[in-house]
Amino acid sequence: MRARLDIPAGTLHRITHRSEILGRNRLGDTATREIVVYTPHGHDGDGLPLLVDIVGFTAGGPAHVNWKNFGENVPERLDRLIHDGDLPPVVVAFPDCFTRLGGNQYIDSDAMGPWATWLTTEMLEEVEGRFKCGGKGRRGLFGKSSGGYGSIIHAMKYPDVWSAAACHSGDMAFELCYLPEMPSALRAIAKAGSIEAFVRDFETGPKFPGNSLHDLMTLAMAATYDPDPDPDVFCGIRLPVDLETCEIIEDRWNAWLQWDPAHIVDQHLDALKSMKGLWIECGDVDQYNLVYGARRLHRSLVAGSVDHVYQEFKDNHSSIDYRLDESLPFLVNALLS
């Protein structure tokens, strides 16, 4: 709901994009994707910087423009911040990156699809071509949780595309946020009879137990970080632990760690130094233990002399959109510098 009706609203443009590359996935996901684009009141986008909102697990970018109870959705937040002079006018894109397995980590995967490539090529070309916004040195991205992970991993691996990034409570220190979920996933698989049976039962519904979402997320991470090269394996899912004893399978787990921001940060210091703006934050009682990974990342960035903002705030992982009031102005001002 709009808290302040006196504020002029920006415009939401809904684009249906037919990707040439997203059909290359093993989940059966569609290559046709919606991208919602926000332009501020009084602007058509021409010459403005561009931010891309990549969302957390179980969501899609367009969900952030929906009506929200007891608070603002992201466009309403943008309207308020711009109207009050706290945020320079900016175009914001909300791409749909939802998958059959419930979410996205925004990297290229043989199983999940070439999501990083899509975000840095086709998606940007579609938005910037239509709205004449962004361009080199004037693009940033932000997200929370899986979206926070995507933001920091893109800053590390695609500094030629992005010039600013905000990681809100992003996945990192995988041994703390992912390994504790493995026993639950193994129980769910054993109950269903197989990974494929669990996923198909989940899809069949009509209802799923609450913890099933966490189990599905574990399977999605497996298809993302270390997909099985065997094309006959269902959705490319193989776990990094023994299905009977939950013992770590070292080579598989090491493949996961090659995508852990806290683990690989030292390999990407030059890329992170090239950012005009880098924002990293986490709640001090994050229930997924992500604050410890954030602290490790922050410590490495300090040791590597990487300019960044690091904040811990008194809260957990949930309902923290209010933190955008601080990170979005930081990002846009950095892009304009």
Protein backbone atom coordinates (compact mmCIF):
# COMPACT_ATOMS: atom_id res chain seq x y z
CA MET A 1 0.00 0.00 0.00
CA ARG A 2 1.21 3.51 -0.73
CA ALA A 3 1.99 5.22 2.57
CA ARG A 4 2.12 8.71 1.04
CA LEU A 5 -0.38 9.50 -1.66
CA ASP A 6 1.13 12.97 -2.21
CA ILE A 7 4.22 11.45 -3.88
CA PRO A 8 4.04 11.12 -7.68
CA ALA A 9 4.51 7.55 -8.82
CA GLY A 10 7.06 6.39 -11.32
CA THR A 11 6.06 4.21 -14.25
CA LEU A 12 6.35 0.43 -14.44
CA HIS A 13 6.97 -1.00 -17.90
CA ARG A 14 6.45 -4.74 -18.44
CA ILE A 15 8.63 -6.33 -21.11
CA THR A 16 8.29 -9.88 -22.40
CA HIS A 17 11.76 -11.03 -23.44
CA ARG A 18 12.40 -14.15 -25.49
CA SER A 19 15.94 -15.26 -24.67
CA GLU A 20 18.17 -16.94 -27.21
CA ILE A 21 20.20 -18.68 -24.50
CA LEU A 22 18.06 -19.44 -21.42
CA GLY A 23 16.50 -22.45 -23.10
CA ARG A 24 19.83 -24.19 -22.51
CA ASN A 25 18.89 -25.65 -19.12
CA ARG A 26 18.14 -29.13 -17.80
CA LEU A 27 15.15 -28.13 -15.70
CA GLY A 28 12.76 -27.56 -18.58
CA ASP A 29 12.40 -23.88 -17.67
CA THR A 30 11.04 -21.42 -20.20
CA ALA A 31 13.32 -19.05 -22.10
CA THR A 32 10.60 -16.37 -22.16
CA ARG A 33 11.06 -13.98 -19.25
CA GLU A 34 9.30 -10.89 -17.96
CA ILE A 35 11.38 -7.86 -17.07
CA VAL A 36 9.64 -5.06 -15.19
CA VAL A 37 11.39 -1.71 -15.53
CA TYR A 38 10.82 1.29 -13.25
CA THR A 39 11.35 4.81 -14.56
CA PRO A 40 10.99 7.74 -12.13
CA HIS A 41 8.19 10.28 -12.40
CA GLY A 42 9.04 12.83 -15.06
CA HIS A 43 11.73 10.66 -16.69
CA ASP A 44 11.70 8.24 -19.60
CA GLY A 45 15.03 6.71 -18.57
CA ASP A 46 17.24 8.48 -21.08
CA GLY A 47 20.65 9.19 -19.56
CA LEU A 48 19.87 7.77 -16.12
CA PRO A 49 21.99 5.17 -14.32
CA LEU A 50 20.61 1.63 -14.11
CA LEU A 51 20.21 -0.68 -11.13
CA VAL A 52 19.14 -4.33 -11.40
CA ASP A 53 17.24 -5.94 -8.53
CA ILE A 54 18.07 -9.66 -8.19
CA VAL A 55 15.94 -11.29 -5.55
CA GLY A 56 16.21 -13.99 -2.91
CA PHE A 57 15.34 -17.67 -3.21
CA THR A 58 11.64 -18.50 -3.96
CA ALA A 59 11.04 -15.05 -5.47
CA GLY A 60 11.26 -13.43 -8.88
CA GLY A 61 12.10 -9.84 -9.73
CA PRO A 62 8.50 -8.88 -10.66
CA ALA A 63 7.40 -9.88 -7.14
CA HIS A 64 9.16 -6.77 -5.83
CA VAL A 65 6.72 -4.50 -7.66
CA ASN A 66 3.60 -6.13 -6.18
CA TRP A 67 1.33 -4.56 -3.55
CA LYS A 68 2.80 -5.02 -0.09
CA ASN A 69 0.97 -5.05 3.21
CA PHE A 70 2.18 -2.79 6.03
CA GLY A 71 4.94 -1.28 3.93
CA GLU A 72 6.30 -0.19 0.60
CA ASN A 73 7.19 -2.29 -2.38
CA VAL A 74 10.44 -1.35 -4.09
CA PRO A 75 8.95 1.12 -6.64
CA GLU A 76 7.11 2.93 -3.83
CA ARG A 77 10.35 3.10 -1.88
CA LEU A 78 12.09 4.53 -4.94
CA ASP A 79 9.30 7.09 -5.39
CA ARG A 80 9.69 8.27 -1.80
CA LEU A 81 13.48 8.40 -1.80
CA ILE A 82 13.60 10.30 -5.09
CA HIS A 83 10.80 12.69 -4.09
CA ASP A 84 12.49 13.49 -0.77
CA GLY A 85 15.83 14.16 -2.48
CA ASP A 86 17.58 11.22 -0.85
CA LEU A 87 18.07 9.31 -4.10
CA PRO A 88 18.99 10.67 -7.54
CA PRO A 89 16.63 9.52 -10.34
CA VAL A 90 17.48 6.01 -11.48
CA VAL A 91 16.06 3.27 -13.69
CA VAL A 92 15.58 -0.06 -11.92
CA ALA A 93 15.06 -3.39 -13.70
CA PHE A 94 13.31 -6.34 -12.05
CA PRO A 95 14.05 -9.46 -14.16
CA ASP A 96 12.23 -12.75 -13.66
CA CYS A 97 14.91 -15.34 -12.86
CA PHE A 98 12.70 -17.92 -11.12
CA THR A 99 13.42 -21.58 -11.81
CA ARG A 100 11.77 -24.97 -11.41
CA LEU A 101 13.90 -25.56 -8.31
CA GLY A 102 12.63 -22.42 -6.64
CA GLY A 103 15.24 -19.77 -7.22
CA ASN A 104 18.55 -18.67 -8.63
CA GLN A 105 22.11 -17.88 -7.62
CA TYR A 106 22.67 -15.87 -10.84
CA ILE A 107 25.66 -17.82 -12.11
CA ASP A 108 26.02 -19.98 -15.22
CA SER A 109 25.20 -23.63 -14.64
CA ASP A 110 24.85 -26.52 -17.07
CA ALA A 111 21.76 -27.60 -15.16
CA MET A 112 20.12 -24.32 -14.12
CA GLY A 113 21.02 -22.36 -17.25
CA PRO A 114 23.36 -19.51 -18.28
CA TRP A 115 21.93 -16.93 -15.91
CA ALA A 116 25.03 -14.80 -15.44
CA THR A 117 25.50 -14.57 -19.19
CA TRP A 118 21.84 -13.62 -19.68
CA LEU A 119 21.96 -10.89 -17.04
CA THR A 120 25.15 -9.39 -18.43
CA THR A 121 24.16 -9.57 -22.13
CA GLU A 122 20.60 -10.10 -23.34
CA MET A 123 18.85 -8.64 -20.32
CA LEU A 124 21.02 -5.53 -20.25
CA GLU A 125 20.74 -5.08 -24.01
CA GLU A 126 16.95 -5.27 -23.80
CA VAL A 127 16.64 -2.73 -20.99
CA GLU A 128 19.35 -0.29 -22.03
CA GLY A 129 18.30 -0.41 -25.65
CA ARG A 130 14.72 0.50 -24.83
CA PHE A 131 15.31 3.11 -22.15
CA LYS A 132 18.69 4.58 -23.17
CA CYS A 133 19.89 4.20 -19.57
CA GLY A 134 22.89 2.65 -17.88
CA GLY A 135 25.93 1.93 -19.99
CA LYS A 136 29.50 1.25 -18.95
CA GLY A 137 30.32 2.77 -15.58
CA ARG A 138 26.64 3.45 -14.83
CA ARG A 139 25.30 -0.01 -14.00
CA GLY A 140 24.86 -1.55 -10.59
CA LEU A 141 22.97 -4.40 -8.99
CA PHE A 142 21.61 -5.21 -5.57
CA GLY A 143 19.92 -8.08 -3.81
CA LYS A 144 19.30 -9.91 -0.57
CA SER A 145 20.13 -13.50 0.37
CA SER A 146 20.53 -15.38 -2.94
CA GLY A 147 20.30 -11.96 -4.59
CA GLY A 148 23.00 -10.67 -2.26
CA TYR A 149 25.11 -13.63 -3.26
CA GLY A 150 24.51 -12.86 -6.92
CA SER A 151 25.47 -9.23 -6.42
CA ILE A 152 28.82 -9.93 -4.80
CA ILE A 153 29.71 -12.80 -7.15
CA HIS A 154 28.94 -10.58 -10.17
CA ALA A 155 31.12 -7.83 -8.70
CA MET A 156 33.92 -10.38 -8.46
CA LYS A 157 33.49 -11.98 -11.88
CA TYR A 158 31.98 -9.26 -14.10
CA PRO A 159 33.65 -5.96 -13.17
CA ASP A 160 33.66 -4.99 -16.84
CA VAL A 161 29.84 -4.98 -16.74
CA TRP A 162 28.93 -3.73 -13.25
CA SER A 163 30.37 -0.71 -11.47
CA ALA A 164 28.53 -0.93 -8.15
CA ALA A 165 26.97 -3.71 -6.08
CA ALA A 166 25.10 -4.10 -2.80
CA CYS A 167 25.12 -7.46 -1.04
CA HIS A 168 22.39 -7.67 1.60
CA SER A 169 22.75 -10.80 3.74
CA GLY A 170 24.28 -12.77 0.89
CA ASP A 171 25.07 -16.49 0.96
CA MET A 172 28.68 -17.10 1.97
CA ALA A 173 30.73 -19.27 4.31
CA PHE A 174 29.00 -22.26 2.75
CA GLU A 175 29.96 -24.65 5.55
CA LEU A 176 27.83 -22.57 7.91
CA CYS A 177 24.80 -21.82 5.74
CA TYR A 178 24.52 -24.92 3.53
CA LEU A 179 26.07 -27.92 5.30
CA PRO A 180 23.68 -27.67 8.29
CA GLU A 181 20.79 -28.17 5.84
CA MET A 182 22.12 -31.44 4.42
CA PRO A 183 20.67 -33.86 7.03
CA SER A 184 17.18 -32.46 6.49
CA ALA A 185 17.52 -32.84 2.72
CA LEU A 186 18.69 -36.45 3.14
CA ARG A 187 15.67 -37.27 5.32
CA ALA A 188 13.35 -35.72 2.73
CA ILE A 189 14.98 -37.68 -0.10
CA ALA A 190 14.82 -40.94 1.88
CA LYS A 191 11.14 -40.39 2.65
CA ALA A 192 10.30 -39.68 -0.99
CA GLY A 193 12.50 -42.48 -2.31
CA SER A 194 14.75 -40.37 -4.56
CA ILE A 195 15.68 -36.82 -5.47
CA GLU A 196 13.41 -36.96 -8.50
CA ALA A 197 10.50 -38.28 -6.45
CA PHE A 198 10.94 -35.52 -3.88
CA VAL A 199 10.89 -32.78 -6.54
CA ARG A 200 7.92 -34.28 -8.37
CA ASP A 201 5.99 -34.74 -5.12
CA PHE A 202 6.74 -31.12 -4.25
CA GLU A 203 5.47 -29.99 -7.65
CA THR A 204 2.36 -32.17 -7.47
CA GLY A 205 1.21 -30.63 -4.18
CA PRO A 206 -1.40 -29.52 -3.43
CA LYS A 207 0.58 -28.49 -0.36
CA PHE A 208 4.10 -28.98 0.93
CA PRO A 209 5.49 -29.08 4.48
CA GLY A 210 7.18 -25.86 5.56
CA ASN A 211 10.71 -27.25 5.67
CA SER A 212 10.39 -28.65 2.15
CA LEU A 213 11.36 -25.24 0.78
CA HIS A 214 14.71 -25.48 2.55
CA ASP A 215 15.20 -28.99 1.20
CA LEU A 216 14.35 -27.83 -2.31
CA MET A 217 16.83 -24.97 -1.89
CA THR A 218 19.57 -27.46 -1.00
CA LEU A 219 18.87 -29.36 -4.22
CA ALA A 220 18.87 -26.10 -6.19
CA MET A 221 22.29 -25.21 -4.79
CA ALA A 222 23.59 -28.63 -5.85
CA ALA A 223 22.32 -28.07 -9.41
CA THR A 224 23.92 -24.62 -9.36
CA TYR A 225 27.39 -25.12 -7.89
CA ASP A 226 28.22 -28.67 -8.98
CA PRO A 227 25.74 -30.17 -11.46
CA ASP A 228 26.20 -33.80 -12.40
CA PRO A 229 27.72 -33.96 -15.91
CA ASP A 230 25.61 -37.04 -16.72
CA PRO A 231 22.70 -35.71 -18.83
CA ASP A 232 20.47 -38.54 -17.57
CA VAL A 233 20.67 -37.38 -13.94
CA PHE A 234 17.44 -35.66 -12.97
CA CYS A 235 17.92 -31.87 -13.20
CA GLY A 236 21.65 -32.44 -12.80
CA ILE A 237 21.24 -32.73 -9.03
CA ARG A 238 23.92 -34.46 -7.00
CA LEU A 239 24.69 -33.59 -3.40
CA PRO A 240 28.18 -33.05 -1.97
CA VAL A 241 27.52 -35.60 0.79
CA ASP A 242 26.99 -39.34 1.00
CA LEU A 243 23.22 -39.96 0.88
CA GLU A 244 23.41 -42.56 3.66
CA THR A 245 25.99 -41.20 6.10
CA CYS A 246 26.04 -37.46 5.24
CA GLU A 247 29.82 -37.59 5.00
CA ILE A 248 31.30 -34.88 2.79
CA ILE A 249 32.42 -35.97 -0.67
CA GLU A 250 35.56 -33.87 -0.91
CA ASP A 251 35.79 -33.26 -4.65
CA ARG A 252 32.14 -32.27 -4.88
CA TRP A 253 32.32 -30.03 -1.83
CA ASN A 254 35.45 -28.37 -3.17
CA ALA A 255 33.50 -27.57 -6.35
CA TRP A 256 30.94 -25.75 -4.18
CA LEU A 257 33.66 -23.84 -2.37
CA GLN A 258 34.95 -22.43 -5.65
CA TRP A 259 31.74 -20.36 -5.66
CA ASP A 260 31.87 -19.25 -2.01
CA PRO A 261 32.56 -15.48 -1.86
CA ALA A 262 34.24 -15.76 1.52
CA HIS A 263 36.45 -18.54 0.18
CA ILE A 264 37.47 -17.01 -3.18
CA VAL A 265 37.60 -13.30 -2.37
CA ASP A 266 41.40 -13.09 -2.49
CA GLN A 267 41.29 -14.22 -6.13
CA HIS A 268 39.12 -11.24 -7.07
CA LEU A 269 40.54 -8.29 -5.17
CA ASP A 270 41.44 -6.36 -8.31
CA ALA A 271 37.91 -6.73 -9.65
CA LEU A 272 36.43 -5.54 -6.36
CA LYS A 273 38.85 -2.60 -6.23
CA SER A 274 37.51 -1.48 -9.61
CA MET A 275 33.99 -1.03 -8.24
CA LYS A 276 32.83 2.57 -7.84
CA GLY A 277 30.71 1.42 -4.93
CA LEU A 278 30.62 -1.82 -2.91
CA TRP A 279 28.11 -2.27 -0.07
CA ILE A 280 28.10 -5.36 2.17
CA GLU A 281 25.85 -5.84 5.15
CA CYS A 282 24.13 -8.45 7.31
CA GLY A 283 21.94 -8.63 10.38
CA ASP A 284 23.88 -9.45 13.54
CA VAL A 285 21.53 -12.34 14.41
CA ASP A 286 20.97 -13.70 10.91
CA GLN A 287 19.30 -17.07 11.41
CA TYR A 288 21.21 -18.66 8.52
CA ASN A 289 24.61 -17.79 10.04
CA LEU A 290 25.41 -15.45 7.16
CA VAL A 291 26.84 -12.75 9.40
CA TYR A 292 29.94 -14.87 10.00
CA GLY A 293 30.61 -15.14 6.28
CA ALA A 294 30.03 -11.40 5.91
CA ARG A 295 32.59 -10.73 8.63
CA ARG A 296 35.12 -12.99 6.90
CA LEU A 297 34.54 -11.23 3.60
CA HIS A 298 34.87 -7.82 5.26
CA ARG A 299 38.11 -8.86 6.96
CA SER A 300 39.55 -10.02 3.62
CA LEU A 301 38.52 -6.80 1.91
CA VAL A 302 40.17 -4.71 4.60
CA ALA A 303 43.34 -6.79 4.35
CA GLY A 304 43.27 -6.39 0.56
CA SER A 305 42.72 -2.60 0.74
CA VAL A 306 39.38 -2.80 -1.08
CA ASP A 307 37.25 0.29 -0.53
CA HIS A 308 33.77 -0.73 0.63
CA VAL A 309 31.01 -0.06 3.11
CA TYR A 310 30.39 -2.78 5.68
CA GLN A 311 27.49 -2.64 8.11
CA GLU A 312 25.98 -4.96 10.67
CA PHE A 313 22.54 -4.03 11.92
CA LYS A 314 20.38 -5.20 14.82
CA ASP A 315 18.11 -7.65 13.04
CA ASN A 316 17.89 -11.08 11.45
CA HIS A 317 17.41 -12.26 7.83
CA SER A 318 13.71 -11.50 7.48
CA SER A 319 11.77 -8.38 6.40
CA ILE A 320 14.79 -6.11 6.03
CA ASP A 321 13.79 -4.14 2.93
CA TYR A 322 14.11 -0.98 5.02
CA ARG A 323 17.86 -1.35 4.63
CA LEU A 324 17.48 -0.28 0.99
CA ASP A 325 16.97 3.28 2.23
CA GLU A 326 20.70 3.34 2.88
CA SER A 327 22.17 1.14 0.16
CA LEU A 328 20.28 2.46 -2.89
CA PRO A 329 21.41 6.11 -2.49
CA PHE A 330 24.94 4.85 -1.93
CA LEU A 331 24.87 2.85 -5.17
CA VAL A 332 23.38 5.55 -7.36
CA ASN A 333 25.66 8.29 -6.04
CA ALA A 334 28.62 5.99 -6.66
CA LEU A 335 27.52 5.41 -10.25
CA LEU A 336 27.17 9.14 -10.81
CA SER A 337 30.62 9.93 -9.40
